[in-house]
């Protein structure tokens, strides 16, 4: 379901829920995808859980462990790198003019 139907369905089940549509290319989304990719590799493969309770416990344990070992990372792509990339991407358009 999409749009208004999904909002109605979700808010019908959880009246306090506020559904917020975010851009599909949001930078935080990439971080969420990375987390779930790690969970897929570390917890869900192979998919041999005897029941959903066991799966839930494994995912929660993974989340707790991941929080303990997670460290901030240093961005290597700087504002200057972005400027150079933007100029390079605009170059063909500038040459055509």
PDB file of N, CA and C in Angstrom:
ATOM      1  N   UNK A   1       0.835  -1.192   0.000  1.00  0.00           N
ATOM      2  CA  UNK A   1       0.000   0.000   0.000  1.00  0.00           C
ATOM      3  C   UNK A   1       0.870   1.241   0.000  1.00  0.00           C
ATOM      4  N   UNK A   2       0.376   2.234  -0.673  1.00  0.00           N
ATOM      5  CA  UNK A   2       1.134   3.472  -0.744  1.00  0.00           C
ATOM      6  C   UNK A   2       0.268   4.650  -0.352  1.00  0.00           C
ATOM      7  N   UNK A   3       0.939   5.748  -0.108  1.00  0.00           N
ATOM      8  CA  UNK A   3       0.247   7.005   0.110  1.00  0.00           C
ATOM      9  C   UNK A   3      -0.747   6.992   1.252  1.00  0.00           C
ATOM     10  N   UNK A   4      -1.892   7.583   0.982  1.00  0.00           N
ATOM     11  CA  UNK A   4      -2.929   7.771   1.998  1.00  0.00           C
ATOM     12  C   UNK A   4      -3.407   6.441   2.571  1.00  0.00           C
ATOM     13  N   UNK A   5      -3.509   5.409   1.737  1.00  0.00           N
ATOM     14  CA  UNK A   5      -3.957   4.098   2.226  1.00  0.00           C
ATOM     15  C   UNK A   5      -3.000   3.559   3.284  1.00  0.00           C
ATOM     16  N   UNK A   6      -1.692   3.697   3.053  1.00  0.00           N
ATOM     17  CA  UNK A   6      -0.729   3.185   4.032  1.00  0.00           C
ATOM     18  C   UNK A   6      -0.791   3.990   5.326  1.00  0.00           C
ATOM     19  N   UNK A   7      -0.978   5.303   5.204  1.00  0.00           N
ATOM     20  CA  UNK A   7      -1.096   6.137   6.397  1.00  0.00           C
ATOM     21  C   UNK A   7      -2.320   5.721   7.206  1.00  0.00           C
ATOM     22  N   UNK A   8      -3.461   5.577   6.526  1.00  0.00           N
ATOM     23  CA  UNK A   8      -4.694   5.176   7.212  1.00  0.00           C
ATOM     24  C   UNK A   8      -4.537   3.816   7.887  1.00  0.00           C
ATOM     25  N   UNK A   9      -3.936   2.865   7.182  1.00  0.00           N
ATOM     26  CA  UNK A   9      -3.760   1.514   7.734  1.00  0.00           C
ATOM     27  C   UNK A   9      -2.867   1.541   8.968  1.00  0.00           C
ATOM     28  N   UNK A  10      -1.733   2.213   8.880  1.00  0.00           N
ATOM     29  CA  UNK A  10      -0.796   2.253  10.001  1.00  0.00           C
ATOM     30  C   UNK A  10      -1.355   3.034  11.187  1.00  0.00           C
ATOM     31  N   UNK A  11      -1.973   4.177  10.904  1.00  0.00           N
ATOM     32  CA  UNK A  11      -2.518   4.968  12.007  1.00  0.00           C
ATOM     33  C   UNK A  11      -3.742   4.300  12.611  1.00  0.00           C
ATOM     34  N   UNK A  12      -4.426   3.464  11.843  1.00  0.00           N
ATOM     35  CA  UNK A  12      -5.524   2.688  12.402  1.00  0.00           C
ATOM     36  C   UNK A  12      -5.018   1.685  13.423  1.00  0.00           C
ATOM     37  N   UNK A  13      -3.860   1.099  13.140  1.00  0.00           N
ATOM     38  CA  UNK A  13      -3.271   0.118  14.064  1.00  0.00           C
ATOM     39  C   UNK A  13      -2.560   0.797  15.223  1.00  0.00           C
ATOM     40  N   UNK A  14      -1.906   1.927  14.965  1.00  0.00           N
ATOM     41  CA  UNK A  14      -1.149   2.651  15.982  1.00  0.00           C
ATOM     42  C   UNK A  14      -1.536   4.128  15.924  1.00  0.00           C
ATOM     43  N   UNK A  15      -2.559   4.535  16.682  1.00  0.00           N
ATOM     44  CA  UNK A  15      -3.079   5.913  16.606  1.00  0.00           C
ATOM     45  C   UNK A  15      -2.038   6.995  16.909  1.00  0.00           C
ATOM     46  N   UNK A  16      -1.020   6.683  17.682  1.00  0.00           N
ATOM     47  CA  UNK A  16       0.003   7.688  18.013  1.00  0.00           C
ATOM     48  C   UNK A  16       1.056   7.842  16.922  1.00  0.00           C
ATOM     49  N   UNK A  17       1.013   6.971  15.944  1.00  0.00           N
ATOM     50  CA  UNK A  17       2.016   6.972  14.880  1.00  0.00           C
ATOM     51  C   UNK A  17       1.873   8.203  13.999  1.00  0.00           C
ATOM     52  N   UNK A  18       3.001   8.802  13.677  1.00  0.00           N
ATOM     53  CA  UNK A  18       3.034   9.879  12.688  1.00  0.00           C
ATOM     54  C   UNK A  18       3.958   9.408  11.580  1.00  0.00           C
ATOM     55  N   UNK A  19       3.395   9.171  10.427  1.00  0.00           N
ATOM     56  CA  UNK A  19       4.162   8.671   9.289  1.00  0.00           C
ATOM     57  C   UNK A  19       4.800   9.843   8.573  1.00  0.00           C
ATOM     58  N   UNK A  20       6.101   9.770   8.374  1.00  0.00           N
ATOM     59  CA  UNK A  20       6.826  10.835   7.702  1.00  0.00           C
ATOM     60  C   UNK A  20       7.494  10.239   6.476  1.00  0.00           C
ATOM     61  N   UNK A  21       7.182  10.779   5.328  1.00  0.00           N
ATOM     62  CA  UNK A  21       7.824  10.327   4.092  1.00  0.00           C
ATOM     63  C   UNK A  21       9.115  11.123   3.916  1.00  0.00           C
ATOM     64  N   UNK A  22      10.200  10.415   3.774  1.00  0.00           N
ATOM     65  CA  UNK A  22      11.501  11.060   3.613  1.00  0.00           C
ATOM     66  C   UNK A  22      12.008  10.831   2.197  1.00  0.00           C
ATOM     67  N   UNK A  23      12.949  11.631   1.744  1.00  0.00           N
ATOM     68  CA  UNK A  23      13.518  11.412   0.411  1.00  0.00           C
ATOM     69  C   UNK A  23      14.174  10.035   0.340  1.00  0.00           C
ATOM     70  N   UNK A  24      14.017   9.356  -0.779  1.00  0.00           N
ATOM     71  CA  UNK A  24      14.578   8.012  -0.895  1.00  0.00           C
ATOM     72  C   UNK A  24      16.100   8.027  -0.947  1.00  0.00           C
ATOM     73  N   UNK A  25      16.691   9.165  -1.225  1.00  0.00           N
ATOM     74  CA  UNK A  25      18.147   9.251  -1.290  1.00  0.00           C
ATOM     75  C   UNK A  25      18.731   9.996  -0.095  1.00  0.00           C
ATOM     76  N   UNK A  26      18.032   9.962   1.043  1.00  0.00           N
ATOM     77  CA  UNK A  26      18.504  10.654   2.238  1.00  0.00           C
ATOM     78  C   UNK A  26      19.788   9.997   2.743  1.00  0.00           C
ATOM     79  N   UNK A  27      20.719  10.812   3.209  1.00  0.00           N
ATOM     80  CA  UNK A  27      22.005  10.277   3.647  1.00  0.00           C
ATOM     81  C   UNK A  27      21.851   9.343   4.845  1.00  0.00           C
ATOM     82  N   UNK A  28      20.898   9.629   5.755  1.00  0.00           N
ATOM     83  CA  UNK A  28      20.706   8.747   6.903  1.00  0.00           C
ATOM     84  C   UNK A  28      20.205   7.395   6.457  1.00  0.00           C
ATOM     85  N   UNK A  29      19.485   7.351   5.334  1.00  0.00           N
ATOM     86  CA  UNK A  29      18.971   6.087   4.842  1.00  0.00           C
ATOM     87  C   UNK A  29      20.115   5.162   4.462  1.00  0.00           C
ATOM     88  N   UNK A  30      21.161   5.719   3.895  1.00  0.00           N
ATOM     89  CA  UNK A  30      22.322   4.905   3.548  1.00  0.00           C
ATOM     90  C   UNK A  30      22.905   4.252   4.800  1.00  0.00           C
ATOM     91  N   UNK A  31      22.936   4.999   5.908  1.00  0.00           N
ATOM     92  CA  UNK A  31      23.465   4.442   7.152  1.00  0.00           C
ATOM     93  C   UNK A  31      22.569   3.317   7.661  1.00  0.00           C
ATOM     94  N   UNK A  32      21.265   3.481   7.546  1.00  0.00           N
ATOM     95  CA  UNK A  32      20.345   2.420   7.964  1.00  0.00           C
ATOM     96  C   UNK A  32      20.531   1.189   7.086  1.00  0.00           C
ATOM     97  N   UNK A  33      20.711   1.395   5.796  1.00  0.00           N
ATOM     98  CA  UNK A  33      20.932   0.276   4.890  1.00  0.00           C
ATOM     99  C   UNK A  33      22.219  -0.465   5.242  1.00  0.00           C
ATOM    100  N   UNK A  34      23.244   0.272   5.605  1.00  0.00           N
ATOM    101  CA  UNK A  34      24.514  -0.351   5.997  1.00  0.00           C
ATOM    102  C   UNK A  34      24.312  -1.208   7.237  1.00  0.00           C
ATOM    103  N   UNK A  35      23.598  -0.670   8.234  1.00  0.00           N
ATOM    104  CA  UNK A  35      23.352  -1.420   9.462  1.00  0.00           C
ATOM    105  C   UNK A  35      22.612  -2.724   9.151  1.00  0.00           C
ATOM    106  N   UNK A  36      21.553  -2.636   8.352  1.00  0.00           N
ATOM    107  CA  UNK A  36      20.774  -3.837   8.048  1.00  0.00           C
ATOM    108  C   UNK A  36      21.560  -4.808   7.176  1.00  0.00           C
ATOM    109  N   UNK A  37      22.454  -4.292   6.362  1.00  0.00           N
ATOM    110  CA  UNK A  37      23.320  -5.163   5.571  1.00  0.00           C
ATOM    111  C   UNK A  37      24.252  -5.961   6.489  1.00  0.00           C
ATOM    112  N   UNK A  38      24.800  -5.290   7.493  1.00  0.00           N
ATOM    113  CA  UNK A  38      25.665  -5.973   8.464  1.00  0.00           C
ATOM    114  C   UNK A  38      24.856  -7.011   9.238  1.00  0.00           C
ATOM    115  N   UNK A  39      23.656  -6.631   9.678  1.00  0.00           N
ATOM    116  CA  UNK A  39      22.799  -7.575  10.404  1.00  0.00           C
ATOM    117  C   UNK A  39      22.475  -8.782   9.525  1.00  0.00           C
ATOM    118  N   UNK A  40      22.228  -8.551   8.262  1.00  0.00           N
ATOM    119  CA  UNK A  40      21.942  -9.655   7.329  1.00  0.00           C
ATOM    120  C   UNK A  40      23.106 -10.641   7.292  1.00  0.00           C
ATOM    121  N   UNK A  41      24.316 -10.102   7.168  1.00  0.00           N
ATOM    122  CA  UNK A  41      25.496 -10.975   7.060  1.00  0.00           C
ATOM    123  C   UNK A  41      25.858 -11.636   8.382  1.00  0.00           C
ATOM    124  N   UNK A  42      25.724 -10.888   9.492  1.00  0.00           N
ATOM    125  CA  UNK A  42      26.197 -11.396  10.783  1.00  0.00           C
ATOM    126  C   UNK A  42      25.157 -12.215  11.543  1.00  0.00           C
ATOM    127  N   UNK A  43      23.867 -11.960  11.317  1.00  0.00           N
ATOM    128  CA  UNK A  43      22.831 -12.595  12.122  1.00  0.00           C
ATOM    129  C   UNK A  43      21.904 -13.474  11.298  1.00  0.00           C
ATOM    130  N   UNK A  44      21.492 -12.998  10.164  1.00  0.00           N
ATOM    131  CA  UNK A  44      20.425 -13.662   9.424  1.00  0.00           C
ATOM    132  C   UNK A  44      20.887 -14.722   8.435  1.00  0.00           C
ATOM    133  N   UNK A  45      22.175 -14.835   8.218  1.00  0.00           N
ATOM    134  CA  UNK A  45      22.690 -15.829   7.287  1.00  0.00           C
ATOM    135  C   UNK A  45      23.547 -16.827   8.056  1.00  0.00           C
ATOM    136  N   UNK A  46      23.270 -18.106   8.013  1.00  0.00           N
ATOM    137  CA  UNK A  46      22.137 -18.718   7.315  1.00  0.00           C
ATOM    138  C   UNK A  46      20.844 -18.525   8.109  1.00  0.00           C
ATOM    139  N   UNK A  47      19.746 -18.599   7.401  1.00  0.00           N
ATOM    140  CA  UNK A  47      18.435 -18.376   8.001  1.00  0.00           C
ATOM    141  C   UNK A  47      17.918 -19.695   8.576  1.00  0.00           C
ATOM    142  N   UNK A  48      18.413 -20.055   9.747  1.00  0.00           N
ATOM    143  CA  UNK A  48      18.073 -21.358  10.332  1.00  0.00           C
ATOM    144  C   UNK A  48      17.567 -21.236  11.765  1.00  0.00           C
ATOM    145  N   UNK A  49      16.688 -20.277  12.008  1.00  0.00           N
ATOM    146  CA  UNK A  49      16.161 -20.066  13.344  1.00  0.00           C
ATOM    147  C   UNK A  49      14.968 -20.981  13.581  1.00  0.00           C
ATOM    148  N   UNK A  50      14.910 -21.617  14.754  1.00  0.00           N
ATOM    149  CA  UNK A  50      13.797 -22.542  15.012  1.00  0.00           C
ATOM    150  C   UNK A  50      12.443 -21.846  15.144  1.00  0.00           C
ATOM    151  N   UNK A  51      12.450 -20.557  15.551  1.00  0.00           N
ATOM    152  CA  UNK A  51      11.182 -19.835  15.700  1.00  0.00           C
ATOM    153  C   UNK A  51      11.455 -18.333  15.706  1.00  0.00           C
ATOM    154  N   UNK A  52      10.396 -17.548  15.648  1.00  0.00           N
ATOM    155  CA  UNK A  52      10.535 -16.092  15.594  1.00  0.00           C
ATOM    156  C   UNK A  52      11.094 -15.511  16.885  1.00  0.00           C
ATOM    157  N   UNK A  53      10.807 -16.130  18.021  1.00  0.00           N
ATOM    158  CA  UNK A  53      11.351 -15.636  19.292  1.00  0.00           C
ATOM    159  C   UNK A  53      12.874 -15.714  19.301  1.00  0.00           C
ATOM    160  N   UNK A  54      13.413 -16.803  18.780  1.00  0.00           N
ATOM    161  CA  UNK A  54      14.868 -16.966  18.710  1.00  0.00           C
ATOM    162  C   UNK A  54      15.463 -15.912  17.775  1.00  0.00           C
ATOM    163  N   UNK A  55      14.811 -15.702  16.645  1.00  0.00           N
ATOM    164  CA  UNK A  55      15.273 -14.685  15.709  1.00  0.00           C
ATOM    165  C   UNK A  55      15.270 -13.313  16.375  1.00  0.00           C
ATOM    166  N   UNK A  56      14.195 -12.986  17.066  1.00  0.00           N
ATOM    167  CA  UNK A  56      14.097 -11.702  17.748  1.00  0.00           C
ATOM    168  C   UNK A  56      15.227 -11.541  18.763  1.00  0.00           C
ATOM    169  N   UNK A  57      15.481 -12.557  19.556  1.00  0.00           N
ATOM    170  CA  UNK A  57      16.530 -12.484  20.574  1.00  0.00           C
ATOM    171  C   UNK A  57      17.908 -12.304  19.932  1.00  0.00           C
ATOM    172  N   UNK A  58      18.145 -13.002  18.820  1.00  0.00           N
ATOM    173  CA  UNK A  58      19.434 -12.864  18.128  1.00  0.00           C
ATOM    174  C   UNK A  58      19.616 -11.448  17.585  1.00  0.00           C
ATOM    175  N   UNK A  59      18.553 -10.886  17.001  1.00  0.00           N
ATOM    176  CA  UNK A  59      18.651  -9.524  16.471  1.00  0.00           C
ATOM    177  C   UNK A  59      18.852  -8.497  17.580  1.00  0.00           C
ATOM    178  N   UNK A  60      18.142  -8.664  18.690  1.00  0.00           N
ATOM    179  CA  UNK A  60      18.322  -7.737  19.809  1.00  0.00           C
ATOM    180  C   UNK A  60      19.720  -7.844  20.410  1.00  0.00           C
ATOM    181  N   UNK A  61      20.228  -9.063  20.526  1.00  0.00           N
ATOM    182  CA  UNK A  61      21.589  -9.258  21.046  1.00  0.00           C
ATOM    183  C   UNK A  61      22.605  -8.628  20.104  1.00  0.00           C
ATOM    184  N   UNK A  62      22.390  -8.789  18.803  1.00  0.00           N
ATOM    185  CA  UNK A  62      23.283  -8.171  17.828  1.00  0.00           C
ATOM    186  C   UNK A  62      23.254  -6.646  17.980  1.00  0.00           C
ATOM    187  N   UNK A  63      22.062  -6.069  18.126  1.00  0.00           N
ATOM    188  CA  UNK A  63      21.944  -4.622  18.291  1.00  0.00           C
ATOM    189  C   UNK A  63      22.684  -4.123  19.513  1.00  0.00           C
ATOM    190  N   UNK A  64      22.541  -4.835  20.612  1.00  0.00           N
ATOM    191  CA  UNK A  64      23.251  -4.433  21.843  1.00  0.00           C
ATOM    192  C   UNK A  64      24.763  -4.526  21.647  1.00  0.00           C
ATOM    193  N   UNK A  65      25.219  -5.581  21.021  1.00  0.00           N
ATOM    194  CA  UNK A  65      26.661  -5.755  20.785  1.00  0.00           C
ATOM    195  C   UNK A  65      27.188  -4.691  19.825  1.00  0.00           C
ATOM    196  N   UNK A  66      26.441  -4.426  18.786  1.00  0.00           N
ATOM    197  CA  UNK A  66      26.845  -3.435  17.786  1.00  0.00           C
ATOM    198  C   UNK A  66      26.977  -2.057  18.421  1.00  0.00           C
ATOM    199  N   UNK A  67      26.080  -1.728  19.334  1.00  0.00           N
ATOM    200  CA  UNK A  67      26.159  -0.444  20.030  1.00  0.00           C
ATOM    201  C   UNK A  67      27.430  -0.345  20.870  1.00  0.00           C
ATOM    202  N   UNK A  68      27.875  -1.466  21.430  1.00  0.00           N
ATOM    203  CA  UNK A  68      29.075  -1.469  22.271  1.00  0.00           C
ATOM    204  C   UNK A  68      30.351  -1.295  21.459  1.00  0.00           C
ATOM    205  N   UNK A  69      30.386  -1.872  20.270  1.00  0.00           N
ATOM    206  CA  UNK A  69      31.628  -1.853  19.491  1.00  0.00           C
ATOM    207  C   UNK A  69      31.667  -0.763  18.430  1.00  0.00           C
ATOM    208  N   UNK A  70      30.531  -0.116  18.181  1.00  0.00           N
ATOM    209  CA  UNK A  70      30.483   0.910  17.142  1.00  0.00           C
ATOM    210  C   UNK A  70      31.378   2.083  17.512  1.00  0.00           C
ATOM    211  N   UNK A  71      32.072   2.614  16.537  1.00  0.00           N
ATOM    212  CA  UNK A  71      32.923   3.779  16.741  1.00  0.00           C
ATOM    213  C   UNK A  71      32.635   4.796  15.638  1.00  0.00           C
ATOM    214  N   UNK A  72      32.799   6.064  15.945  1.00  0.00           N
ATOM    215  CA  UNK A  72      32.619   7.072  14.895  1.00  0.00           C
ATOM    216  C   UNK A  72      33.663   6.876  13.800  1.00  0.00           C
ATOM    217  N   UNK A  73      33.328   7.252  12.628  1.00  0.00           N
ATOM    218  CA  UNK A  73      34.295   7.149  11.543  1.00  0.00           C
ATOM    219  C   UNK A  73      34.611   8.543  11.024  1.00  0.00           C
ATOM    220  N   UNK A  74      35.770   8.652  10.407  1.00  0.00           N
ATOM    221  CA  UNK A  74      36.205   9.930   9.878  1.00  0.00           C
ATOM    222  C   UNK A  74      35.894   9.975   8.398  1.00  0.00           C
ATOM    223  N   UNK A  75      35.149  11.009   7.994  1.00  0.00           N
ATOM    224  CA  UNK A  75      34.854  11.185   6.585  1.00  0.00           C
ATOM    225  C   UNK A  75      36.137  11.526   5.851  1.00  0.00           C
ATOM    226  N   UNK A  76      36.370  10.883   4.771  1.00  0.00           N
ATOM    227  CA  UNK A  76      37.551  11.184   3.969  1.00  0.00           C
ATOM    228  C   UNK A  76      37.184  12.081   2.787  1.00  0.00           C
ATOM    229  N   UNK A  77      35.905  12.168   2.463  1.00  0.00           N
ATOM    230  CA  UNK A  77      35.428  12.994   1.359  1.00  0.00           C
ATOM    231  C   UNK A  77      35.136  14.380   1.909  1.00  0.00           C
ATOM    232  N   UNK A  78      35.965  15.342   1.534  1.00  0.00           N
ATOM    233  CA  UNK A  78      35.875  16.686   2.104  1.00  0.00           C
ATOM    234  C   UNK A  78      35.007  17.603   1.243  1.00  0.00           C
ATOM    235  N   UNK A  79      34.756  18.782   1.777  1.00  0.00           N
ATOM    236  CA  UNK A  79      34.013  19.795   1.006  1.00  0.00           C
ATOM    237  C   UNK A  79      34.772  20.135  -0.280  1.00  0.00           C
ATOM    238  N   UNK A  80      36.096  20.207  -0.192  1.00  0.00           N
ATOM    239  CA  UNK A  80      36.902  20.493  -1.385  1.00  0.00           C
ATOM    240  C   UNK A  80      36.743  19.361  -2.407  1.00  0.00           C
ATOM    241  N   UNK A  81      36.704  18.118  -1.932  1.00  0.00           N
ATOM    242  CA  UNK A  81      36.472  16.989  -2.845  1.00  0.00           C
ATOM    243  C   UNK A  81      35.123  17.133  -3.536  1.00  0.00           C
ATOM    244  N   UNK A  82      34.117  17.550  -2.793  1.00  0.00           N
ATOM    245  CA  UNK A  82      32.784  17.739  -3.352  1.00  0.00           C
ATOM    246  C   UNK A  82      32.798  18.839  -4.407  1.00  0.00           C
ATOM    247  N   UNK A  83      33.470  19.928  -4.105  1.00  0.00           N
ATOM    248  CA  UNK A  83      33.570  21.020  -5.079  1.00  0.00           C
ATOM    249  C   UNK A  83      34.248  20.547  -6.356  1.00  0.00           C
ATOM    250  N   UNK A  84      35.343  19.803  -6.228  1.00  0.00           N
ATOM    251  CA  UNK A  84      36.049  19.290  -7.415  1.00  0.00           C
ATOM    252  C   UNK A  84      35.148  18.347  -8.221  1.00  0.00           C
ATOM    253  N   UNK A  85      34.415  17.489  -7.514  1.00  0.00           N
ATOM    254  CA  UNK A  85      33.515  16.563  -8.196  1.00  0.00           C
ATOM    255  C   UNK A  85      32.410  17.323  -8.924  1.00  0.00           C
ATOM    256  N   UNK A  86      31.839  18.319  -8.274  1.00  0.00           N
ATOM    257  CA  UNK A  86      30.774  19.111  -8.891  1.00  0.00           C
ATOM    258  C   UNK A  86      31.291  19.823 -10.135  1.00  0.00           C
ATOM    259  N   UNK A  87      32.494  20.368 -10.057  1.00  0.00           N
ATOM    260  CA  UNK A  87      33.078  21.042 -11.219  1.00  0.00           C
ATOM    261  C   UNK A  87      33.322  20.049 -12.347  1.00  0.00           C
ATOM    262  N   UNK A  88      33.807  18.882 -12.001  1.00  0.00           N
ATOM    263  CA  UNK A  88      34.078  17.867 -13.026  1.00  0.00           C
ATOM    264  C   UNK A  88      32.772  17.400 -13.681  1.00  0.00           C
ATOM    265  N   UNK A  89      31.723  17.245 -12.881  1.00  0.00           N
ATOM    266  CA  UNK A  89      30.447  16.805 -13.434  1.00  0.00           C
ATOM    267  C   UNK A  89      29.817  17.877 -14.306  1.00  0.00           C
ATOM    268  N   UNK A  90      30.075  19.147 -14.004  1.00  0.00           N
ATOM    269  CA  UNK A  90      29.541  20.249 -14.807  1.00  0.00           C
ATOM    270  C   UNK A  90      30.375  20.515 -16.062  1.00  0.00           C
ATOM    271  N   UNK A  91      31.575  19.999 -16.121  1.00  0.00           N
ATOM    272  CA  UNK A  91      32.481  20.282 -17.217  1.00  0.00           C
ATOM    273  C   UNK A  91      31.899  19.951 -18.586  1.00  0.00           C
ATOM    274  N   UNK A  92      31.330  18.763 -18.814  1.00  0.00           N
ATOM    275  CA  UNK A  92      30.801  18.477 -20.149  1.00  0.00           C
ATOM    276  C   UNK A  92      29.704  19.468 -20.568  1.00  0.00           C
ATOM    277  N   UNK A  93      28.849  19.871 -19.652  1.00  0.00           N
ATOM    278  CA  UNK A  93      27.803  20.844 -19.964  1.00  0.00           C
ATOM    279  C   UNK A  93      28.428  22.190 -20.317  1.00  0.00           C
ATOM    280  N   UNK A  94      29.475  22.569 -19.619  1.00  0.00           N
ATOM    281  CA  UNK A  94      30.144  23.854 -19.868  1.00  0.00           C
ATOM    282  C   UNK A  94      30.836  23.822 -21.226  1.00  0.00           C
ATOM    283  N   UNK A  95      31.416  22.692 -21.615  1.00  0.00           N
ATOM    284  CA  UNK A  95      32.089  22.594 -22.905  1.00  0.00           C
ATOM    285  C   UNK A  95      31.101  22.632 -24.055  1.00  0.00           C
ATOM    286  N   UNK A  96      29.885  22.118 -23.835  1.00  0.00           N
ATOM    287  CA  UNK A  96      28.890  22.073 -24.883  1.00  0.00           C
ATOM    288  C   UNK A  96      28.326  23.454 -25.174  1.00  0.00           C
ATOM    289  N   UNK A  97      28.427  24.379 -24.195  1.00  0.00           N
ATOM    290  CA  UNK A  97      27.847  25.717 -24.363  1.00  0.00           C
ATOM    291  C   UNK A  97      28.704  26.639 -25.182  1.00  0.00           C
TER     292      UNK A  97
END
